[in-house]
C-alpha atoms as a PDB file:
ATOM      1  CA  UNK A   1      -2.937   2.230 -57.300  1.00  0.00           C
ATOM      2  CA  UNK A   2      -3.547  -1.323 -56.133  1.00  0.00           C
ATOM      3  CA  UNK A   3      -1.589  -4.258 -57.469  1.00  0.00           C
ATOM      4  CA  UNK A   4      -1.163  -7.925 -56.830  1.00  0.00           C
ATOM      5  CA  UNK A   5       2.116  -8.927 -55.164  1.00  0.00           C
ATOM      6  CA  UNK A   6       3.449 -12.215 -53.777  1.00  0.00           C
ATOM      7  CA  UNK A   7       2.261 -11.425 -50.208  1.00  0.00           C
ATOM      8  CA  UNK A   8      -1.188 -10.117 -51.143  1.00  0.00           C
ATOM      9  CA  UNK A   9      -2.629  -6.841 -52.520  1.00  0.00           C
ATOM     10  CA  UNK A  10      -0.407  -3.768 -52.221  1.00  0.00           C
ATOM     11  CA  UNK A  11      -1.810  -0.198 -51.948  1.00  0.00           C
ATOM     12  CA  UNK A  12       0.662   2.376 -53.356  1.00  0.00           C
ATOM     13  CA  UNK A  13      -0.802   5.889 -53.238  1.00  0.00           C
ATOM     14  CA  UNK A  14       0.059   9.564 -52.640  1.00  0.00           C
ATOM     15  CA  UNK A  15      -3.198  10.907 -51.089  1.00  0.00           C
ATOM     16  CA  UNK A  16      -2.146  14.550 -51.304  1.00  0.00           C
ATOM     17  CA  UNK A  17      -0.961  14.460 -54.942  1.00  0.00           C
ATOM     18  CA  UNK A  18       2.211  13.722 -56.853  1.00  0.00           C
ATOM     19  CA  UNK A  19       4.349  15.626 -54.441  1.00  0.00           C
ATOM     20  CA  UNK A  20       2.679  14.373 -51.257  1.00  0.00           C
ATOM     21  CA  UNK A  21       3.752  11.601 -48.907  1.00  0.00           C
ATOM     22  CA  UNK A  22       3.789   8.100 -50.337  1.00  0.00           C
ATOM     23  CA  UNK A  23       1.967   5.254 -48.593  1.00  0.00           C
ATOM     24  CA  UNK A  24       2.488   1.639 -49.348  1.00  0.00           C
ATOM     25  CA  UNK A  25       0.689  -1.110 -47.386  1.00  0.00           C
ATOM     26  CA  UNK A  26      -0.083  -4.778 -48.232  1.00  0.00           C
ATOM     27  CA  UNK A  27      -3.302  -6.559 -47.385  1.00  0.00           C
ATOM     28  CA  UNK A  28      -4.313 -10.158 -47.704  1.00  0.00           C
ATOM     29  CA  UNK A  29      -7.319  -9.461 -49.943  1.00  0.00           C
ATOM     30  CA  UNK A  30      -8.193  -6.927 -52.651  1.00  0.00           C
ATOM     31  CA  UNK A  31     -11.324  -5.869 -50.755  1.00  0.00           C
ATOM     32  CA  UNK A  32      -9.320  -4.793 -47.704  1.00  0.00           C
ATOM     33  CA  UNK A  33      -6.845  -2.962 -49.976  1.00  0.00           C
ATOM     34  CA  UNK A  34      -9.610  -0.997 -51.719  1.00  0.00           C
ATOM     35  CA  UNK A  35     -11.293  -0.135 -48.382  1.00  0.00           C
ATOM     36  CA  UNK A  36      -7.958   1.215 -47.039  1.00  0.00           C
ATOM     37  CA  UNK A  37      -7.343   3.300 -50.156  1.00  0.00           C
ATOM     38  CA  UNK A  38     -10.829   4.801 -50.076  1.00  0.00           C
ATOM     39  CA  UNK A  39     -10.666   5.664 -46.375  1.00  0.00           C
ATOM     40  CA  UNK A  40      -7.191   7.177 -46.740  1.00  0.00           C
ATOM     41  CA  UNK A  41      -8.094   9.329 -49.638  1.00  0.00           C
ATOM     42  CA  UNK A  42     -11.276  10.515 -47.923  1.00  0.00           C
ATOM     43  CA  UNK A  43      -9.308  11.573 -44.746  1.00  0.00           C
ATOM     44  CA  UNK A  44      -6.780  13.386 -46.803  1.00  0.00           C
ATOM     45  CA  UNK A  45      -9.450  15.256 -48.639  1.00  0.00           C
ATOM     46  CA  UNK A  46     -11.073  16.236 -45.286  1.00  0.00           C
ATOM     47  CA  UNK A  47      -7.733  17.457 -43.921  1.00  0.00           C
ATOM     48  CA  UNK A  48      -7.638  14.637 -41.340  1.00  0.00           C
ATOM     49  CA  UNK A  49      -4.610  12.654 -40.289  1.00  0.00           C
ATOM     50  CA  UNK A  50      -4.560   9.714 -42.719  1.00  0.00           C
ATOM     51  CA  UNK A  51      -1.159   8.177 -41.836  1.00  0.00           C
ATOM     52  CA  UNK A  52      -1.345   4.709 -40.178  1.00  0.00           C
ATOM     53  CA  UNK A  53      -0.323   4.917 -36.520  1.00  0.00           C
ATOM     54  CA  UNK A  54       3.279   3.979 -35.831  1.00  0.00           C
ATOM     55  CA  UNK A  55       3.999   1.069 -33.613  1.00  0.00           C
ATOM     56  CA  UNK A  56       4.660   2.189 -30.033  1.00  0.00           C
ATOM     57  CA  UNK A  57       8.237   0.971 -29.421  1.00  0.00           C
ATOM     58  CA  UNK A  58       8.510   2.328 -25.782  1.00  0.00           C
ATOM     59  CA  UNK A  59       9.670  -0.305 -23.327  1.00  0.00           C
ATOM     60  CA  UNK A  60       8.307  -0.961 -19.896  1.00  0.00           C
ATOM     61  CA  UNK A  61      11.050   1.127 -18.260  1.00  0.00           C
ATOM     62  CA  UNK A  62      10.191   4.133 -20.450  1.00  0.00           C
ATOM     63  CA  UNK A  63       6.649   4.143 -18.927  1.00  0.00           C
ATOM     64  CA  UNK A  64       8.055   3.583 -15.451  1.00  0.00           C
ATOM     65  CA  UNK A  65      10.449   6.484 -15.896  1.00  0.00           C
ATOM     66  CA  UNK A  66       7.627   8.665 -17.145  1.00  0.00           C
ATOM     67  CA  UNK A  67       5.483   7.725 -14.075  1.00  0.00           C
ATOM     68  CA  UNK A  68       8.372   8.609 -11.762  1.00  0.00           C
ATOM     69  CA  UNK A  69       9.242  11.936 -13.472  1.00  0.00           C
ATOM     70  CA  UNK A  70       5.621  13.083 -13.567  1.00  0.00           C
ATOM     71  CA  UNK A  71       4.282  11.675 -10.277  1.00  0.00           C
ATOM     72  CA  UNK A  72       6.460   9.215  -8.386  1.00  0.00           C
ATOM     73  CA  UNK A  73       9.099  11.742  -7.440  1.00  0.00           C
ATOM     74  CA  UNK A  74       6.519  13.624  -5.316  1.00  0.00           C
ATOM     75  CA  UNK A  75       5.877  10.602  -3.111  1.00  0.00           C
ATOM     76  CA  UNK A  76       7.448  10.299   0.347  1.00  0.00           C
ATOM     77  CA  UNK A  77       8.930   6.943  -0.507  1.00  0.00           C
ATOM     78  CA  UNK A  78      10.022   7.977  -4.014  1.00  0.00           C
ATOM     79  CA  UNK A  79      13.537   6.580  -3.865  1.00  0.00           C
ATOM     80  CA  UNK A  80      12.335   3.145  -2.619  1.00  0.00           C
ATOM     81  CA  UNK A  81       9.578   3.046  -5.176  1.00  0.00           C
ATOM     82  CA  UNK A  82      11.965   3.980  -7.973  1.00  0.00           C
ATOM     83  CA  UNK A  83      14.351   1.173  -6.972  1.00  0.00           C
ATOM     84  CA  UNK A  84      11.422  -1.238  -6.706  1.00  0.00           C
ATOM     85  CA  UNK A  85      10.182  -0.476 -10.204  1.00  0.00           C
ATOM     86  CA  UNK A  86      13.680  -0.841 -11.541  1.00  0.00           C
ATOM     87  CA  UNK A  87      13.849  -4.293  -9.973  1.00  0.00           C
ATOM     88  CA  UNK A  88      10.441  -5.441 -11.343  1.00  0.00           C
ATOM     89  CA  UNK A  89      11.167  -4.092 -14.828  1.00  0.00           C
ATOM     90  CA  UNK A  90      14.461  -5.984 -14.889  1.00  0.00           C
ATOM     91  CA  UNK A  91      12.799  -9.193 -13.709  1.00  0.00           C
ATOM     92  CA  UNK A  92      10.378  -8.925 -16.591  1.00  0.00           C
ATOM     93  CA  UNK A  93      13.176  -8.382 -19.062  1.00  0.00           C
ATOM     94  CA  UNK A  94      12.138  -4.734 -19.879  1.00  0.00           C
ATOM     95  CA  UNK A  95       9.921  -5.791 -22.835  1.00  0.00           C
ATOM     96  CA  UNK A  96       8.257  -3.428 -25.255  1.00  0.00           C
ATOM     97  CA  UNK A  97       5.302  -2.273 -23.190  1.00  0.00           C
ATOM     98  CA  UNK A  98       2.824  -2.844 -26.073  1.00  0.00           C
ATOM     99  CA  UNK A  99       3.689  -6.573 -26.192  1.00  0.00           C
ATOM    100  CA  UNK A 100       2.766  -7.255 -22.497  1.00  0.00           C
ATOM    101  CA  UNK A 101      -0.508  -9.143 -22.252  1.00  0.00           C
ATOM    102  CA  UNK A 102      -2.683 -10.009 -19.222  1.00  0.00           C
ATOM    103  CA  UNK A 103      -1.348 -13.545 -19.518  1.00  0.00           C
ATOM    104  CA  UNK A 104       2.236 -12.260 -19.225  1.00  0.00           C
ATOM    105  CA  UNK A 105       1.259 -10.275 -16.085  1.00  0.00           C
ATOM    106  CA  UNK A 106      -0.333 -13.438 -14.598  1.00  0.00           C
ATOM    107  CA  UNK A 107       2.700 -15.493 -15.424  1.00  0.00           C
ATOM    108  CA  UNK A 108       4.996 -12.888 -13.848  1.00  0.00           C
ATOM    109  CA  UNK A 109       2.866 -12.971 -10.675  1.00  0.00           C
ATOM    110  CA  UNK A 110       3.152 -16.753 -10.520  1.00  0.00           C
ATOM    111  CA  UNK A 111       6.903 -16.538 -10.928  1.00  0.00           C
ATOM    112  CA  UNK A 112       7.102 -14.169  -7.998  1.00  0.00           C
ATOM    113  CA  UNK A 113       4.996 -16.472  -5.828  1.00  0.00           C
ATOM    114  CA  UNK A 114       7.199 -19.539  -6.880  1.00  0.00           C
ATOM    115  CA  UNK A 115      10.236 -17.569  -5.633  1.00  0.00           C
ATOM    116  CA  UNK A 116       8.735 -17.776  -2.126  1.00  0.00           C
ATOM    117  CA  UNK A 117       7.410 -14.211  -1.850  1.00  0.00           C
ATOM    118  CA  UNK A 118       4.303 -13.746   0.241  1.00  0.00           C
ATOM    119  CA  UNK A 119       0.920 -13.008  -1.567  1.00  0.00           C
ATOM    120  CA  UNK A 120       0.895  -9.643   0.109  1.00  0.00           C
ATOM    121  CA  UNK A 121       4.250  -8.688  -1.347  1.00  0.00           C
ATOM    122  CA  UNK A 122       3.252  -9.966  -4.793  1.00  0.00           C
ATOM    123  CA  UNK A 123       0.009  -7.963  -4.581  1.00  0.00           C
ATOM    124  CA  UNK A 124       2.037  -4.793  -3.960  1.00  0.00           C
ATOM    125  CA  UNK A 125       4.410  -5.582  -6.817  1.00  0.00           C
ATOM    126  CA  UNK A 126       1.465  -5.904  -9.290  1.00  0.00           C
ATOM    127  CA  UNK A 127      -0.107  -2.717  -7.911  1.00  0.00           C
ATOM    128  CA  UNK A 128       3.128  -0.792  -8.654  1.00  0.00           C
ATOM    129  CA  UNK A 129       3.192  -1.941 -12.239  1.00  0.00           C
ATOM    130  CA  UNK A 130      -0.550  -1.378 -12.665  1.00  0.00           C
ATOM    131  CA  UNK A 131      -0.153   2.210 -11.429  1.00  0.00           C
ATOM    132  CA  UNK A 132       2.537   2.892 -14.099  1.00  0.00           C
ATOM    133  CA  UNK A 133       0.091   2.086 -16.858  1.00  0.00           C
ATOM    134  CA  UNK A 134      -2.887   3.720 -15.217  1.00  0.00           C
ATOM    135  CA  UNK A 135      -1.056   6.984 -14.844  1.00  0.00           C
ATOM    136  CA  UNK A 136       0.106   6.967 -18.481  1.00  0.00           C
ATOM    137  CA  UNK A 137      -3.481   6.313 -19.578  1.00  0.00           C
ATOM    138  CA  UNK A 138      -4.855   9.139 -17.450  1.00  0.00           C
ATOM    139  CA  UNK A 139      -2.254  11.480 -18.941  1.00  0.00           C
ATOM    140  CA  UNK A 140      -3.158  10.420 -22.504  1.00  0.00           C
ATOM    141  CA  UNK A 141       0.367   9.018 -22.932  1.00  0.00           C
ATOM    142  CA  UNK A 142      -0.851   5.476 -23.455  1.00  0.00           C
ATOM    143  CA  UNK A 143      -3.825   4.133 -25.467  1.00  0.00           C
ATOM    144  CA  UNK A 144      -3.133   0.386 -25.545  1.00  0.00           C
ATOM    145  CA  UNK A 145      -4.716  -0.653 -22.283  1.00  0.00           C
ATOM    146  CA  UNK A 146      -3.348  -1.862 -18.987  1.00  0.00           C
ATOM    147  CA  UNK A 147      -2.214  -5.514 -18.995  1.00  0.00           C
ATOM    148  CA  UNK A 148      -2.181  -5.578 -15.211  1.00  0.00           C
ATOM    149  CA  UNK A 149      -5.696  -4.278 -14.801  1.00  0.00           C
ATOM    150  CA  UNK A 150      -7.396  -7.667 -15.176  1.00  0.00           C
ATOM    151  CA  UNK A 151      -5.433  -9.261 -12.322  1.00  0.00           C
ATOM    152  CA  UNK A 152      -7.397  -9.338  -9.134  1.00  0.00           C
ATOM    153  CA  UNK A 153      -5.452  -9.075  -5.889  1.00  0.00           C
ATOM    154  CA  UNK A 154      -4.690 -12.428  -4.315  1.00  0.00           C
ATOM    155  CA  UNK A 155      -6.923 -13.131  -1.372  1.00  0.00           C
ATOM    156  CA  UNK A 156      -5.033 -12.836   1.913  1.00  0.00           C
ATOM    157  CA  UNK A 157      -5.907 -14.653   5.101  1.00  0.00           C
ATOM    158  CA  UNK A 158      -7.003 -12.217   7.773  1.00  0.00           C
ATOM    159  CA  UNK A 159      -4.183 -12.084  10.419  1.00  0.00           C
ATOM    160  CA  UNK A 160      -4.806 -10.834  13.913  1.00  0.00           C
ATOM    161  CA  UNK A 161      -2.263  -8.189  14.823  1.00  0.00           C
ATOM    162  CA  UNK A 162       0.012  -9.386  17.670  1.00  0.00           C
ATOM    163  CA  UNK A 163       0.142  -7.349  20.816  1.00  0.00           C
ATOM    164  CA  UNK A 164       2.106  -7.543  24.138  1.00  0.00           C
ATOM    165  CA  UNK A 165       0.448  -8.252  27.491  1.00  0.00           C
ATOM    166  CA  UNK A 166       1.492  -6.241  30.503  1.00  0.00           C
ATOM    167  CA  UNK A 167       4.126  -8.725  31.587  1.00  0.00           C
ATOM    168  CA  UNK A 168       5.727  -8.669  28.177  1.00  0.00           C
ATOM    169  CA  UNK A 169       5.549  -4.835  28.097  1.00  0.00           C
ATOM    170  CA  UNK A 170       7.365  -4.680  31.463  1.00  0.00           C
ATOM    171  CA  UNK A 171      10.014  -7.172  30.332  1.00  0.00           C
ATOM    172  CA  UNK A 172      10.660  -5.262  27.032  1.00  0.00           C
ATOM    173  CA  UNK A 173      10.889  -1.832  28.631  1.00  0.00           C
ATOM    174  CA  UNK A 174      13.287  -3.079  31.305  1.00  0.00           C
ATOM    175  CA  UNK A 175      15.597  -4.130  28.445  1.00  0.00           C
ATOM    176  CA  UNK A 176      15.049  -0.755  26.684  1.00  0.00           C
ATOM    177  CA  UNK A 177      15.943   1.158  29.861  1.00  0.00           C
ATOM    178  CA  UNK A 178      19.255  -0.809  30.101  1.00  0.00           C
ATOM    179  CA  UNK A 179      20.214  -0.210  26.442  1.00  0.00           C
ATOM    180  CA  UNK A 180      23.185   1.892  25.626  1.00  0.00           C
ATOM    181  CA  UNK A 181      21.154   3.770  23.048  1.00  0.00           C
ATOM    182  CA  UNK A 182      19.688   6.685  25.064  1.00  0.00           C
ATOM    183  CA  UNK A 183      16.903   7.386  22.526  1.00  0.00           C
ATOM    184  CA  UNK A 184      15.356   3.909  22.097  1.00  0.00           C
ATOM    185  CA  UNK A 185      13.428   3.913  25.348  1.00  0.00           C
ATOM    186  CA  UNK A 186      11.676   7.255  24.604  1.00  0.00           C
ATOM    187  CA  UNK A 187      10.929   6.322  20.965  1.00  0.00           C
ATOM    188  CA  UNK A 188       9.354   3.027  22.150  1.00  0.00           C
ATOM    189  CA  UNK A 189       7.365   4.891  24.799  1.00  0.00           C
ATOM    190  CA  UNK A 190       5.908   7.216  22.171  1.00  0.00           C
ATOM    191  CA  UNK A 191       4.802   4.232  20.099  1.00  0.00           C
ATOM    192  CA  UNK A 192       3.300   2.480  23.069  1.00  0.00           C
ATOM    193  CA  UNK A 193       1.478   5.436  24.485  1.00  0.00           C
ATOM    194  CA  UNK A 194       0.208   7.084  21.237  1.00  0.00           C
ATOM    195  CA  UNK A 195      -0.022   4.198  18.719  1.00  0.00           C
ATOM    196  CA  UNK A 196       2.516   5.927  16.518  1.00  0.00           C
ATOM    197  CA  UNK A 197       4.417   4.089  13.761  1.00  0.00           C
ATOM    198  CA  UNK A 198       8.130   3.603  14.580  1.00  0.00           C
ATOM    199  CA  UNK A 199       9.169   6.007  11.770  1.00  0.00           C
ATOM    200  CA  UNK A 200       6.781   8.695  13.014  1.00  0.00           C
ATOM    201  CA  UNK A 201       8.317   8.591  16.445  1.00  0.00           C
ATOM    202  CA  UNK A 202      11.883   8.205  15.243  1.00  0.00           C
ATOM    203  CA  UNK A 203      11.607  11.367  13.110  1.00  0.00           C
ATOM    204  CA  UNK A 204       9.717  13.443  15.654  1.00  0.00           C
ATOM    205  CA  UNK A 205      10.753  17.062  15.921  1.00  0.00           C
ATOM    206  CA  UNK A 206      10.884  19.012  19.207  1.00  0.00           C
ATOM    207  CA  UNK A 207       8.605  21.763  17.964  1.00  0.00           C
ATOM    208  CA  UNK A 208       5.795  19.210  17.468  1.00  0.00           C
ATOM    209  CA  UNK A 209       5.754  18.413  21.218  1.00  0.00           C
ATOM    210  CA  UNK A 210       3.621  21.082  22.817  1.00  0.00           C
ATOM    211  CA  UNK A 211       1.084  21.411  25.647  1.00  0.00           C
ATOM    212  CA  UNK A 212       1.155  17.669  26.498  1.00  0.00           C
ATOM    213  CA  UNK A 213       0.430  16.756  22.916  1.00  0.00           C
ATOM    214  CA  UNK A 214       2.444  15.246  20.052  1.00  0.00           C
ATOM    215  CA  UNK A 215       1.678  16.215  16.474  1.00  0.00           C
ATOM    216  CA  UNK A 216       2.710  13.706  13.785  1.00  0.00           C
ATOM    217  CA  UNK A 217       3.364  15.160  10.372  1.00  0.00           C
ATOM    218  CA  UNK A 218       4.523  13.551   7.090  1.00  0.00           C
ATOM    219  CA  UNK A 219       2.657  10.374   8.060  1.00  0.00           C
ATOM    220  CA  UNK A 220       2.053   7.333   5.852  1.00  0.00           C
ATOM    221  CA  UNK A 221      -1.179   8.643   4.466  1.00  0.00           C
ATOM    222  CA  UNK A 222      -0.044  12.297   4.432  1.00  0.00           C
ATOM    223  CA  UNK A 223      -2.451  13.379   7.169  1.00  0.00           C
ATOM    224  CA  UNK A 224      -1.368  15.276  10.242  1.00  0.00           C
ATOM    225  CA  UNK A 225      -2.736  14.105  13.601  1.00  0.00           C
ATOM    226  CA  UNK A 226      -2.304  15.213  17.252  1.00  0.00           C
ATOM    227  CA  UNK A 227      -2.426  12.851  20.202  1.00  0.00           C
ATOM    228  CA  UNK A 228      -2.349  13.795  23.910  1.00  0.00           C
ATOM    229  CA  UNK A 229       0.294  12.231  26.210  1.00  0.00           C
ATOM    230  CA  UNK A 230       0.668  12.082  29.982  1.00  0.00           C
ATOM    231  CA  UNK A 231       2.618  14.524  31.982  1.00  0.00           C
ATOM    232  CA  UNK A 232       5.587  12.195  32.669  1.00  0.00           C
ATOM    233  CA  UNK A 233       6.260  11.393  29.017  1.00  0.00           C
ATOM    234  CA  UNK A 234       5.778  15.085  28.104  1.00  0.00           C
ATOM    235  CA  UNK A 235       8.419  16.126  30.682  1.00  0.00           C
ATOM    236  CA  UNK A 236      10.906  13.537  29.444  1.00  0.00           C
ATOM    237  CA  UNK A 237      10.506  14.649  25.866  1.00  0.00           C
ATOM    238  CA  UNK A 238      10.858  18.329  26.709  1.00  0.00           C
ATOM    239  CA  UNK A 239      14.052  17.579  28.527  1.00  0.00           C
ATOM    240  CA  UNK A 240      15.491  15.377  25.781  1.00  0.00           C
ATOM    241  CA  UNK A 241      17.332  16.824  22.799  1.00  0.00           C
ATOM    242  CA  UNK A 242      17.305  20.349  21.336  1.00  0.00           C
ATOM    243  CA  UNK A 243      14.390  22.772  21.505  1.00  0.00           C
ATOM    244  CA  UNK A 244      14.213  22.873  17.717  1.00  0.00           C
ATOM    245  CA  UNK A 245      14.929  20.006  15.340  1.00  0.00           C
ATOM    246  CA  UNK A 246      14.853  16.244  15.550  1.00  0.00           C
ATOM    247  CA  UNK A 247      14.597  14.773  19.060  1.00  0.00           C
ATOM    248  CA  UNK A 248      16.224  11.563  18.018  1.00  0.00           C
ATOM    249  CA  UNK A 249      18.901  12.186  15.320  1.00  0.00           C
ATOM    250  CA  UNK A 250      20.185   8.579  15.157  1.00  0.00           C
ATOM    251  CA  UNK A 251      18.339   5.547  13.972  1.00  0.00           C
ATOM    252  CA  UNK A 252      17.343   3.403  16.965  1.00  0.00           C
ATOM    253  CA  UNK A 253      15.380   0.478  15.388  1.00  0.00           C
ATOM    254  CA  UNK A 254      18.310  -1.966  15.624  1.00  0.00           C
ATOM    255  CA  UNK A 255      18.618  -1.201  19.358  1.00  0.00           C
ATOM    256  CA  UNK A 256      14.861  -1.858  19.704  1.00  0.00           C
ATOM    257  CA  UNK A 257      15.199  -5.173  17.829  1.00  0.00           C
ATOM    258  CA  UNK A 258      18.011  -6.331  20.048  1.00  0.00           C
ATOM    259  CA  UNK A 259      16.098  -5.354  23.191  1.00  0.00           C
ATOM    260  CA  UNK A 260      13.072  -7.283  21.970  1.00  0.00           C
ATOM    261  CA  UNK A 261      15.276 -10.344  21.413  1.00  0.00           C
ATOM    262  CA  UNK A 262      16.776 -10.087  24.960  1.00  0.00           C
ATOM    263  CA  UNK A 263      13.250  -9.826  26.431  1.00  0.00           C
ATOM    264  CA  UNK A 264      12.406 -13.248  24.963  1.00  0.00           C
ATOM    265  CA  UNK A 265       9.177 -11.945  23.594  1.00  0.00           C
ATOM    266  CA  UNK A 266       8.163 -14.185  20.582  1.00  0.00           C
ATOM    267  CA  UNK A 267       6.287 -12.596  17.717  1.00  0.00           C
ATOM    268  CA  UNK A 268       5.004 -13.941  14.385  1.00  0.00           C
ATOM    269  CA  UNK A 269       7.041 -13.120  11.315  1.00  0.00           C
ATOM    270  CA  UNK A 270       6.422  -9.606  10.130  1.00  0.00           C
ATOM    271  CA  UNK A 271       4.799  -8.327  13.335  1.00  0.00           C
ATOM    272  CA  UNK A 272       7.855  -6.714  15.003  1.00  0.00           C
ATOM    273  CA  UNK A 273       7.686  -3.374  13.218  1.00  0.00           C
ATOM    274  CA  UNK A 274       4.211  -2.412  14.438  1.00  0.00           C
ATOM    275  CA  UNK A 275       3.962  -4.479  17.656  1.00  0.00           C
ATOM    276  CA  UNK A 276       3.908  -1.382  19.928  1.00  0.00           C
ATOM    277  CA  UNK A 277       1.257   0.303  17.683  1.00  0.00           C
ATOM    278  CA  UNK A 278      -0.879  -2.825  17.788  1.00  0.00           C
ATOM    279  CA  UNK A 279      -0.316  -3.118  21.520  1.00  0.00           C
ATOM    280  CA  UNK A 280      -1.608   0.409  22.102  1.00  0.00           C
ATOM    281  CA  UNK A 281      -4.711  -0.265  19.887  1.00  0.00           C
ATOM    282  CA  UNK A 282      -5.488  -3.607  21.506  1.00  0.00           C
ATOM    283  CA  UNK A 283      -5.244  -2.403  25.055  1.00  0.00           C
ATOM    284  CA  UNK A 284      -7.214   0.743  24.170  1.00  0.00           C
ATOM    285  CA  UNK A 285     -10.084  -1.392  22.896  1.00  0.00           C
ATOM    286  CA  UNK A 286      -9.855  -3.980  25.701  1.00  0.00           C
ATOM    287  CA  UNK A 287     -10.105  -1.173  28.182  1.00  0.00           C
ATOM    288  CA  UNK A 288     -13.359   0.086  26.593  1.00  0.00           C
ATOM    289  CA  UNK A 289     -12.076   2.699  24.119  1.00  0.00           C
ATOM    290  CA  UNK A 290     -14.234   3.769  21.259  1.00  0.00           C
ATOM    291  CA  UNK A 291     -13.326   2.478  17.758  1.00  0.00           C
ATOM    292  CA  UNK A 292     -14.003   5.868  16.072  1.00  0.00           C
ATOM    293  CA  UNK A 293     -11.700   7.571  18.532  1.00  0.00           C
ATOM    294  CA  UNK A 294      -9.075   4.894  17.957  1.00  0.00           C
ATOM    295  CA  UNK A 295      -9.362   5.480  14.172  1.00  0.00           C
ATOM    296  CA  UNK A 296      -8.511   9.160  14.734  1.00  0.00           C
ATOM    297  CA  UNK A 297      -5.634   8.390  17.046  1.00  0.00           C
ATOM    298  CA  UNK A 298      -4.064   5.859  14.632  1.00  0.00           C
ATOM    299  CA  UNK A 299      -4.778   7.964  11.616  1.00  0.00           C
ATOM    300  CA  UNK A 300      -6.512   5.266   9.655  1.00  0.00           C
ATOM    301  CA  UNK A 301      -8.270   6.528   6.500  1.00  0.00           C
ATOM    302  CA  UNK A 302     -10.871   3.841   6.707  1.00  0.00           C
ATOM    303  CA  UNK A 303     -12.753   2.423   9.748  1.00  0.00           C
ATOM    304  CA  UNK A 304     -12.217  -1.005   8.238  1.00  0.00           C
ATOM    305  CA  UNK A 305      -8.560  -0.906   9.287  1.00  0.00           C
ATOM    306  CA  UNK A 306      -9.513  -0.085  12.829  1.00  0.00           C
ATOM    307  CA  UNK A 307     -12.135  -2.841  12.979  1.00  0.00           C
ATOM    308  CA  UNK A 308      -9.328  -5.383  13.162  1.00  0.00           C
ATOM    309  CA  UNK A 309      -9.311  -4.665  16.822  1.00  0.00           C
ATOM    310  CA  UNK A 310     -13.093  -4.719  17.424  1.00  0.00           C
ATOM    311  CA  UNK A 311     -13.141  -8.356  18.595  1.00  0.00           C
ATOM    312  CA  UNK A 312     -11.064  -7.319  21.660  1.00  0.00           C
ATOM    313  CA  UNK A 313     -13.828  -5.064  22.988  1.00  0.00           C
ATOM    314  CA  UNK A 314     -15.341  -6.432  26.247  1.00  0.00           C
ATOM    315  CA  UNK A 315     -18.807  -6.257  24.728  1.00  0.00           C
ATOM    316  CA  UNK A 316     -17.930  -7.249  21.123  1.00  0.00           C
ATOM    317  CA  UNK A 317     -20.931  -8.845  19.429  1.00  0.00           C
ATOM    318  CA  UNK A 318     -22.706  -8.849  22.883  1.00  0.00           C
ATOM    319  CA  UNK A 319     -25.828  -7.808  21.026  1.00  0.00           C
ATOM    320  CA  UNK A 320     -25.846 -11.276  19.270  1.00  0.00           C
ATOM    321  CA  UNK A 321     -26.839 -12.692  22.628  1.00  0.00           C
ATOM    322  CA  UNK A 322     -28.981  -9.862  23.810  1.00  0.00           C
ATOM    323  CA  UNK A 323     -31.150  -9.553  20.694  1.00  0.00           C
ATOM    324  CA  UNK A 324     -30.911 -13.116  19.359  1.00  0.00           C
ATOM    325  CA  UNK A 325     -33.670 -15.806  19.757  1.00  0.00           C
ATOM    326  CA  UNK A 326     -34.302 -17.084  23.215  1.00  0.00           C
ATOM    327  CA  UNK A 327     -32.771 -20.348  24.431  1.00  0.00           C
ATOM    328  CA  UNK A 328     -34.694 -23.571  23.681  1.00  0.00           C
ATOM    329  CA  UNK A 329     -37.212 -25.063  26.184  1.00  0.00           C
ATOM    330  CA  UNK A 330     -37.944 -21.577  27.525  1.00  0.00           C
ATOM    331  CA  UNK A 331     -34.713 -21.362  29.552  1.00  0.00           C
ATOM    332  CA  UNK A 332     -33.458 -17.918  30.433  1.00  0.00           C
ATOM    333  CA  UNK A 333     -29.799 -17.304  29.830  1.00  0.00           C
ATOM    334  CA  UNK A 334     -27.534 -14.981  31.783  1.00  0.00           C
ATOM    335  CA  UNK A 335     -26.320 -12.472  29.203  1.00  0.00           C
ATOM    336  CA  UNK A 336     -24.502 -10.113  31.582  1.00  0.00           C
ATOM    337  CA  UNK A 337     -21.026  -9.047  30.459  1.00  0.00           C
ATOM    338  CA  UNK A 338     -18.282 -11.311  31.691  1.00  0.00           C
ATOM    339  CA  UNK A 339     -14.919 -10.474  33.119  1.00  0.00           C
ATOM    340  CA  UNK A 340     -11.870 -11.400  30.983  1.00  0.00           C
ATOM    341  CA  UNK A 341     -11.049 -15.111  31.485  1.00  0.00           C
ATOM    342  CA  UNK A 342     -14.535 -15.907  32.858  1.00  0.00           C
ATOM    343  CA  UNK A 343     -16.226 -18.939  31.366  1.00  0.00           C
ATOM    344  CA  UNK A 344     -19.431 -18.766  29.389  1.00  0.00           C
ATOM    345  CA  UNK A 345     -22.672 -17.559  31.001  1.00  0.00           C
ATOM    346  CA  UNK A 346     -24.447 -19.984  33.385  1.00  0.00           C
ATOM    347  CA  UNK A 347     -27.983 -21.149  32.786  1.00  0.00           C
ATOM    348  CA  UNK A 348     -30.349 -20.477  35.638  1.00  0.00           C
END
């Protein structure tokens, strides 16, 4: 039955008969009401689900919790990610997920930037929230789209990784040798001589130091890699700590930070954590090391990450001179490789 009411035209039917479920729904026009009635009765007759979909009342945290239970808990940084999502959801006010629009996502990003957070940090925040919706969509738990999908990552200025020169290395390691912490010097040595991340060296186990090689497991990208070391470092590691278990049971990063401060080495903000890793990579390339080999040593999934160090190669872009057009007026130009610090090639 369709009847006129104050707010429009109301459909009041029982598609499955007198004892079936009753449906009442109001439309602005009679045409829309008749269309709904016809479609609903046709679906009921065909045995299809004819009930209007219920509004999804789940809140953002419900989806975040689902993501964590079904996927996030398996990640190596699961506790940190869980806490981060909790913070982001609270900052957004934990709204009903269906009400979040791309504009809401963009406004939230701008709020984070206005709070003084770096574009890189904000990009990560948005990616965490985007992943929550993407996972629910893949698992057929969400059919209302991803409000964070249309936000492109903020463009970041390319920043050259900072590295230590030999004088700075000597000054830093002199402070590390004098530190009361007996582990910090060896951990830093591993990072400097293998390009390991601090966490990889800090959590190294004795059984992964064998035959003058260190094997790093549970790495950032989940890939295991093995890097050779010299005899002196190998001997020190074999003599340090137990034969099985963690070589360095206590956290030593604070001791490293203090030694770095005492050495008067100045680093840009955010570069301290990986300075030894960057130092290894930079010296490796400056001494003629191959970028593909460096990629394997550092454990980069993409060669693009390793290419950050390409400009340090002695013959970086040398082919631009070798194969480019000749100098004007028929002059020949000396294009032989130059020693570090040497001025530009001389005309002859």
